[in-house]
């Protein structure tokens, strides 16, 4: 890393750390006004309170990070411009793109980190904090899902699961699998005490099979077996875990699989879900987008223009989320494609930032 890069990164990362800490502190203090009396009354251990707020910050990071990057970028560029350091860099032959590179790299890194955070630990953090908020005196315990139905429309199968742990969906208890013909009449029912996913296939224990005739009436007698290798079943444990979780808590991969497995959804429901899928992909890139339009807005050579640049960038930041909400409304109402609605704010503001960069060059 060159000396210039180290200097710009140091000048940028210090105010960025202050902004992140400040926004996190504001969020925690605001939430404490609501929950502190309950913590005191329930005598909640301090370790659980700390864990609660640490996990509570995870899903809000996608909003805290862009705001922090915006303010830190504006302050850094305004400070460099006020001391004529930016002018000296450009006058010495350093291109504006070269100055922009460290800021863009940090914004890009935050986008990747934000996306990875959302896909890995954010869903679990949301579930834990919601469960903890219901009982602030102890850590939440895993809850079993009971009486769960799963409809496989493509293969004409219906699963009824008496109980299972969503965190361990490879073991199911009290399973009934109904196989249907193309006309919807029942063909076979398989009752199993347990179903386990081993070696990439389902193994059913203590089973009883019931056949049905063409008229839908059961054939006399059933076949009981100790164990069945049900390799014809295409469902996977993650399919049942998805049914047990809220749509907004699914990962991008799970969302895509859910849409493929449920072709029977109405166009309105599918459009709503496809918007959420594309929004999950688009939101992390807000970190890079706000950085790219904040750099040219804050790179001013004179002090009297700094406030104007800051006000314009802040106004654009709020406009970014206003446009995001507009895209949400239009995308879910199918005014235009769901992916356009989800990516609209990123597309518009990335274009605005690039235009400002080219003009500033």
Protein backbone atom coordinates (compact mmCIF):
# COMPACT_ATOMS: atom_id res chain seq x y z
CA UNK A 1 0.00 0.00 0.00
CA UNK A 2 1.39 3.37 -0.98
CA UNK A 3 1.93 6.23 1.44
CA UNK A 4 -1.00 8.15 -0.11
CA UNK A 5 -3.33 5.20 0.37
CA UNK A 6 -2.30 4.77 3.99
CA UNK A 7 -2.84 8.45 4.69
CA UNK A 8 -6.28 8.56 3.05
CA UNK A 9 -7.37 5.36 4.77
CA UNK A 10 -6.25 6.62 8.16
CA UNK A 11 -7.98 9.95 7.58
CA UNK A 12 -11.17 8.12 6.55
CA UNK A 13 -11.33 5.16 8.93
CA UNK A 14 -10.99 7.17 12.14
CA UNK A 15 -14.13 9.31 11.59
CA UNK A 16 -15.88 6.23 10.17
CA UNK A 17 -15.25 4.37 13.43
CA UNK A 18 -16.64 7.32 15.39
CA UNK A 19 -19.74 7.44 13.20
CA UNK A 20 -20.38 3.71 13.54
CA UNK A 21 -19.93 3.85 17.30
CA UNK A 22 -22.15 6.92 17.56
CA UNK A 23 -25.03 5.47 15.55
CA UNK A 24 -24.82 2.16 17.43
CA UNK A 25 -24.84 3.97 20.77
CA UNK A 26 -27.84 6.08 19.76
CA UNK A 27 -29.73 2.94 18.73
CA UNK A 28 -28.90 1.10 21.97
CA UNK A 29 -29.82 4.07 24.20
CA UNK A 30 -33.11 4.54 22.32
CA UNK A 31 -34.01 0.87 22.83
CA UNK A 32 -33.00 1.00 26.50
CA UNK A 33 -35.68 3.60 27.18
CA UNK A 34 -38.21 0.91 26.30
CA UNK A 35 -36.61 -2.23 27.76
CA UNK A 36 -34.55 -1.06 30.76
CA UNK A 37 -37.46 -1.22 33.26
CA UNK A 38 -38.20 -4.80 32.14
CA UNK A 39 -34.54 -5.79 32.48
CA UNK A 40 -34.40 -4.38 36.01
CA UNK A 41 -37.70 -5.94 37.07
CA UNK A 42 -36.77 -9.38 35.72
CA UNK A 43 -33.18 -9.13 37.06
CA UNK A 44 -31.87 -10.12 33.66
CA UNK A 45 -28.17 -11.09 33.74
CA UNK A 46 -25.90 -8.44 32.27
CA UNK A 47 -24.35 -10.98 29.89
CA UNK A 48 -27.76 -11.68 28.33
CA UNK A 49 -28.47 -7.96 27.99
CA UNK A 50 -25.13 -7.44 26.26
CA UNK A 51 -25.79 -10.38 23.93
CA UNK A 52 -29.26 -9.03 23.18
CA UNK A 53 -27.97 -5.65 22.04
CA UNK A 54 -25.07 -7.14 20.14
CA UNK A 55 -27.46 -9.32 18.13
CA UNK A 56 -29.99 -6.51 17.85
CA UNK A 57 -27.40 -4.40 16.03
CA UNK A 58 -26.76 -7.09 13.41
CA UNK A 59 -29.92 -6.59 11.28
CA UNK A 60 -29.76 -2.80 11.66
CA UNK A 61 -26.20 -2.67 10.37
CA UNK A 62 -27.43 -2.42 6.77
CA UNK A 63 -28.86 1.01 7.66
CA UNK A 64 -26.15 2.16 10.09
CA UNK A 65 -23.28 1.38 7.71
CA UNK A 66 -24.42 3.55 4.74
CA UNK A 67 -25.21 6.49 7.03
CA UNK A 68 -21.81 6.20 8.71
CA UNK A 69 -19.98 5.92 5.38
CA UNK A 70 -21.78 8.99 4.07
CA UNK A 71 -20.95 11.21 7.03
CA UNK A 72 -17.37 9.94 7.36
CA UNK A 73 -16.71 10.45 3.65
CA UNK A 74 -18.11 13.97 3.71
CA UNK A 75 -16.09 14.91 6.79
CA UNK A 76 -12.84 13.44 5.41
CA UNK A 77 -13.13 15.15 2.03
CA UNK A 78 -14.23 18.42 3.60
CA UNK A 79 -11.25 18.28 6.00
CA UNK A 80 -8.82 17.57 3.13
CA UNK A 81 -10.32 20.40 1.11
CA UNK A 82 -10.24 22.87 3.99
CA UNK A 83 -6.52 22.27 4.51
CA UNK A 84 -5.86 22.40 0.75
CA UNK A 85 -4.52 18.85 0.91
CA UNK A 86 -6.82 17.65 -1.85
CA UNK A 87 -5.76 20.56 -4.05
CA UNK A 88 -2.12 19.72 -3.42
CA UNK A 89 -2.69 16.06 -4.36
CA UNK A 90 -4.38 16.97 -7.63
CA UNK A 91 -1.79 19.66 -8.43
CA UNK A 92 1.03 17.15 -7.93
CA UNK A 93 -0.34 14.93 -10.67
CA UNK A 94 -2.47 12.54 -8.63
CA UNK A 95 -5.72 11.87 -10.50
CA UNK A 96 -9.09 12.21 -8.80
CA UNK A 97 -9.72 8.53 -9.52
CA UNK A 98 -6.58 7.72 -7.51
CA UNK A 99 -7.93 9.72 -4.56
CA UNK A 100 -11.30 8.04 -4.94
CA UNK A 101 -9.87 4.49 -4.90
CA UNK A 102 -9.36 4.06 -1.09
CA UNK A 103 -12.88 5.35 -0.36
CA UNK A 104 -14.41 3.08 -2.99
CA UNK A 105 -12.45 0.11 -1.65
CA UNK A 106 -13.76 0.68 1.88
CA UNK A 107 -17.32 1.10 0.57
CA UNK A 108 -16.97 -2.08 -1.47
CA UNK A 109 -15.65 -3.96 1.55
CA UNK A 110 -18.58 -2.79 3.67
CA UNK A 111 -20.99 -3.91 0.94
CA UNK A 112 -19.52 -7.40 0.93
CA UNK A 113 -19.48 -7.56 4.73
CA UNK A 114 -23.05 -6.28 4.93
CA UNK A 115 -24.27 -8.87 2.44
CA UNK A 116 -22.45 -11.72 4.19
CA UNK A 117 -23.79 -10.58 7.57
CA UNK A 118 -27.34 -10.54 6.23
CA UNK A 119 -27.02 -14.00 4.71
CA UNK A 120 -25.35 -15.76 7.63
CA UNK A 121 -26.12 -14.47 11.13
CA UNK A 122 -28.82 -11.80 10.70
CA UNK A 123 -31.75 -14.24 10.51
CA UNK A 124 -30.64 -16.12 13.60
CA UNK A 125 -30.04 -12.84 15.42
CA UNK A 126 -33.56 -11.63 14.63
CA UNK A 127 -35.13 -14.87 15.86
CA UNK A 128 -33.07 -14.85 19.08
CA UNK A 129 -33.82 -11.21 19.93
CA UNK A 130 -37.54 -11.66 19.26
CA UNK A 131 -37.68 -14.70 21.51
CA UNK A 132 -35.61 -12.98 24.20
CA UNK A 133 -37.88 -9.91 24.13
CA UNK A 134 -40.81 -12.15 25.12
CA UNK A 135 -39.00 -13.38 28.24
CA UNK A 136 -36.21 -11.09 29.38
CA UNK A 137 -35.29 -13.18 32.42
CA UNK A 138 -33.52 -16.03 30.56
CA UNK A 139 -32.12 -17.04 27.21
CA UNK A 140 -34.75 -18.35 24.77
CA UNK A 141 -34.98 -22.07 24.21
CA UNK A 142 -35.45 -23.88 20.93
CA UNK A 143 -39.14 -24.40 20.17
CA UNK A 144 -40.58 -27.36 18.29
CA UNK A 145 -42.81 -26.77 15.29
CA UNK A 146 -45.97 -28.87 15.44
CA UNK A 147 -48.65 -29.83 12.95
CA UNK A 148 -46.69 -28.60 9.93
CA UNK A 149 -47.88 -29.13 6.35
CA UNK A 150 -45.67 -29.06 3.27
CA UNK A 151 -47.21 -29.12 -0.23
CA UNK A 152 -45.06 -30.35 -3.12
CA UNK A 153 -47.24 -29.33 -6.04
CA UNK A 154 -44.79 -30.43 -8.72
CA UNK A 155 -44.60 -34.04 -7.48
CA UNK A 156 -48.17 -34.23 -6.13
CA UNK A 157 -47.15 -34.92 -2.52
CA UNK A 158 -48.36 -33.57 0.80
CA UNK A 159 -46.35 -33.92 4.01
CA UNK A 160 -47.87 -33.66 7.46
CA UNK A 161 -45.25 -33.47 10.23
CA UNK A 162 -46.37 -33.85 13.84
CA UNK A 163 -43.28 -32.14 15.28
CA UNK A 164 -39.68 -31.21 14.47
CA UNK A 165 -36.96 -28.81 15.54
CA UNK A 166 -36.46 -26.12 12.82
CA UNK A 167 -32.76 -25.95 13.71
CA UNK A 168 -32.45 -29.73 13.04
CA UNK A 169 -34.88 -30.44 10.21
CA UNK A 170 -33.12 -33.68 9.26
CA UNK A 171 -35.15 -35.56 11.90
CA UNK A 172 -38.95 -35.48 11.79
CA UNK A 173 -41.47 -37.13 14.09
CA UNK A 174 -44.95 -38.36 13.26
CA UNK A 175 -44.79 -38.07 9.46
CA UNK A 176 -47.64 -38.71 7.03
CA UNK A 177 -46.85 -38.51 3.31
CA UNK A 178 -49.80 -38.42 0.91
CA UNK A 179 -49.09 -39.22 -2.73
CA UNK A 180 -51.70 -38.03 -5.20
CA UNK A 181 -52.49 -38.76 -8.81
CA UNK A 182 -52.52 -36.07 -11.47
CA UNK A 183 -56.30 -35.63 -11.05
CA UNK A 184 -55.89 -34.99 -7.32
CA UNK A 185 -57.21 -38.33 -6.06
CA UNK A 186 -55.10 -40.10 -3.38
CA UNK A 187 -52.80 -42.90 -4.56
CA UNK A 188 -50.91 -43.85 -1.40
CA UNK A 189 -50.38 -42.75 2.18
CA UNK A 190 -47.23 -43.50 4.15
CA UNK A 191 -47.31 -43.15 7.93
CA UNK A 192 -43.95 -43.17 9.72
CA UNK A 193 -43.02 -42.72 13.37
CA UNK A 194 -39.81 -40.90 12.37
CA UNK A 195 -38.09 -39.72 9.19
CA UNK A 196 -34.34 -39.10 9.04
CA UNK A 197 -32.20 -37.55 6.30
CA UNK A 198 -29.13 -39.76 5.93
CA UNK A 199 -26.79 -40.19 2.96
CA UNK A 200 -28.79 -37.59 0.97
CA UNK A 201 -32.05 -39.53 1.19
CA UNK A 202 -34.97 -40.04 3.58
CA UNK A 203 -35.19 -43.13 5.80
CA UNK A 204 -38.62 -43.83 7.29
CA UNK A 205 -38.94 -45.91 10.48
CA UNK A 206 -41.96 -47.90 11.72
CA UNK A 207 -43.98 -47.27 8.59
CA UNK A 208 -47.42 -48.29 7.44
CA UNK A 209 -48.49 -47.84 3.83
CA UNK A 210 -52.06 -47.51 2.62
CA UNK A 211 -52.96 -47.80 -1.07
CA UNK A 212 -56.01 -46.20 -2.69
CA UNK A 213 -57.92 -47.31 -5.75
CA UNK A 214 -58.76 -45.23 -8.80
CA UNK A 215 -62.00 -44.15 -7.14
CA UNK A 216 -60.10 -42.83 -4.10
CA UNK A 217 -61.25 -45.63 -1.80
CA UNK A 218 -58.62 -47.40 0.37
CA UNK A 219 -57.52 -50.84 -0.69
CA UNK A 220 -58.10 -53.45 2.01
CA UNK A 221 -55.15 -53.86 4.35
CA UNK A 222 -51.93 -51.93 4.77
CA UNK A 223 -48.27 -52.84 4.60
CA UNK A 224 -46.23 -52.31 7.78
CA UNK A 225 -42.45 -52.20 7.68
CA UNK A 226 -39.73 -51.48 10.23
CA UNK A 227 -37.73 -49.21 7.89
CA UNK A 228 -38.09 -47.84 4.37
CA UNK A 229 -35.44 -46.32 2.09
CA UNK A 230 -37.55 -43.54 0.56
CA UNK A 231 -35.15 -42.51 -2.21
CA UNK A 232 -38.07 -41.39 -4.39
CA UNK A 233 -38.72 -38.40 -2.14
CA UNK A 234 -37.15 -35.24 -3.60
CA UNK A 235 -37.86 -32.98 -0.61
CA UNK A 236 -34.89 -31.91 1.49
CA UNK A 237 -34.64 -30.90 5.18
CA UNK A 238 -34.20 -27.27 4.23
CA UNK A 239 -37.64 -27.30 2.58
CA UNK A 240 -39.28 -27.99 5.93
CA UNK A 241 -37.04 -25.48 7.71
CA UNK A 242 -38.18 -22.84 5.21
CA UNK A 243 -41.84 -23.60 5.93
CA UNK A 244 -41.21 -23.08 9.64
CA UNK A 245 -39.51 -19.69 9.24
CA UNK A 246 -40.85 -16.32 8.21
CA UNK A 247 -40.20 -15.34 4.60
CA UNK A 248 -38.10 -12.33 5.54
CA UNK A 249 -35.75 -14.55 7.57
CA UNK A 250 -34.81 -16.80 4.65
CA UNK A 251 -31.48 -16.47 2.88
CA UNK A 252 -31.26 -15.60 -0.81
CA UNK A 253 -30.62 -19.24 -1.70
CA UNK A 254 -33.61 -20.36 0.36
CA UNK A 255 -35.82 -17.69 -1.20
CA UNK A 256 -34.93 -18.88 -4.69
CA UNK A 257 -35.60 -22.51 -3.77
CA UNK A 258 -38.91 -21.57 -2.15
CA UNK A 259 -40.07 -19.79 -5.31
CA UNK A 260 -39.12 -22.80 -7.44
CA UNK A 261 -40.91 -25.20 -5.10
CA UNK A 262 -44.14 -23.18 -5.01
CA UNK A 263 -45.30 -22.55 -8.58
CA UNK A 264 -48.92 -22.40 -7.41
CA UNK A 265 -48.55 -18.91 -5.90
CA UNK A 266 -50.63 -16.08 -7.26
CA UNK A 267 -48.91 -13.44 -9.46
CA UNK A 268 -49.31 -10.79 -6.75
CA UNK A 269 -47.73 -12.99 -4.08
CA UNK A 270 -44.90 -14.04 -6.39
CA UNK A 271 -44.19 -10.39 -7.33
CA UNK A 272 -44.09 -9.43 -3.64
CA UNK A 273 -41.67 -12.27 -2.85
CA UNK A 274 -39.47 -11.63 -5.88
CA UNK A 275 -39.14 -7.99 -4.81
CA UNK A 276 -37.94 -9.12 -1.37
CA UNK A 277 -35.43 -11.43 -3.05
CA UNK A 278 -33.96 -8.68 -5.23
CA UNK A 279 -34.08 -6.21 -2.35
CA UNK A 280 -31.96 -8.61 -0.30
CA UNK A 281 -29.39 -8.54 -3.10
CA UNK A 282 -29.56 -4.78 -3.67
CA UNK A 283 -29.46 -3.30 -0.17
CA UNK A 284 -25.86 -4.21 0.78
CA UNK A 285 -24.60 -2.25 -2.24
CA UNK A 286 -25.98 0.96 -0.74
CA UNK A 287 -22.65 1.21 1.13
CA UNK A 288 -20.70 1.50 -2.11
CA UNK A 289 -23.30 3.72 -3.80
CA UNK A 290 -23.45 6.35 -1.04
CA UNK A 291 -19.65 6.41 -0.90
CA UNK A 292 -19.36 7.03 -4.63
CA UNK A 293 -21.69 10.01 -4.64
CA UNK A 294 -20.40 11.39 -1.31
CA UNK A 295 -16.78 11.60 -2.52
CA UNK A 296 -17.35 14.11 -5.36
CA UNK A 297 -19.93 16.00 -3.27
CA UNK A 298 -17.45 16.45 -0.43
CA UNK A 299 -14.35 17.04 -2.58
CA UNK A 300 -14.54 20.84 -2.61
CA UNK A 301 -11.60 23.18 -2.70
CA UNK A 302 -13.12 26.09 -0.85
CA UNK A 303 -14.58 26.27 2.61
CA UNK A 304 -17.71 28.18 1.59
CA UNK A 305 -18.71 25.37 -0.75
CA UNK A 306 -18.31 22.60 1.81
CA UNK A 307 -21.66 23.20 3.51
CA UNK A 308 -23.40 23.17 0.16
CA UNK A 309 -21.81 19.86 -0.73
CA UNK A 310 -22.76 18.36 2.64
CA UNK A 311 -26.38 19.51 2.38
CA UNK A 312 -26.70 18.19 -1.15
CA UNK A 313 -25.24 14.81 -0.21
CA UNK A 314 -27.43 14.49 2.91
CA UNK A 315 -30.49 15.43 0.85
CA UNK A 316 -29.52 12.79 -1.72
CA UNK A 317 -29.08 10.25 1.08
CA UNK A 318 -32.64 10.75 2.30
CA UNK A 319 -33.83 10.79 -1.30
CA UNK A 320 -32.10 7.43 -1.73
CA UNK A 321 -34.34 5.79 0.86
CA UNK A 322 -37.40 7.68 -0.39
CA UNK A 323 -36.74 6.30 -3.86
CA UNK A 324 -36.18 2.89 -2.30
CA UNK A 325 -39.62 3.00 -0.70
CA UNK A 326 -41.12 4.17 -3.99
CA UNK A 327 -39.52 1.25 -5.78
CA UNK A 328 -40.92 -1.08 -3.13
CA UNK A 329 -44.46 0.21 -3.69
CA UNK A 330 -44.26 0.12 -7.49
CA UNK A 331 -42.45 -3.21 -7.61
CA UNK A 332 -44.92 -4.98 -5.33
CA UNK A 333 -47.86 -3.54 -7.26
CA UNK A 334 -46.28 -4.80 -10.50
CA UNK A 335 -46.17 -1.34 -12.08
CA UNK A 336 -42.81 -2.55 -13.40
CA UNK A 337 -40.62 -5.59 -12.84
CA UNK A 338 -39.79 -6.55 -9.25
CA UNK A 339 -36.03 -6.39 -9.82
CA UNK A 340 -36.29 -2.84 -11.19
CA UNK A 341 -38.19 -1.74 -8.08
CA UNK A 342 -35.59 -3.28 -5.78
CA UNK A 343 -32.56 -1.92 -7.65
CA UNK A 344 -34.08 1.45 -8.63
CA UNK A 345 -32.47 3.55 -5.89
CA UNK A 346 -29.06 1.94 -6.46
CA UNK A 347 -29.25 2.45 -10.23
CA UNK A 348 -30.31 6.10 -10.00
CA UNK A 349 -27.82 7.13 -7.34
CA UNK A 350 -24.95 5.15 -8.79
CA UNK A 351 -25.54 6.96 -12.07
CA UNK A 352 -25.69 10.31 -10.24
CA UNK A 353 -22.47 9.55 -8.38
CA UNK A 354 -20.62 8.52 -11.53
CA UNK A 355 -21.74 11.67 -13.33
CA UNK A 356 -20.46 13.82 -10.46
CA UNK A 357 -17.16 11.92 -10.45
CA UNK A 358 -16.65 12.47 -14.17
CA UNK A 359 -17.45 16.18 -13.86
CA UNK A 360 -15.22 16.58 -10.80
CA UNK A 361 -12.34 14.93 -12.66
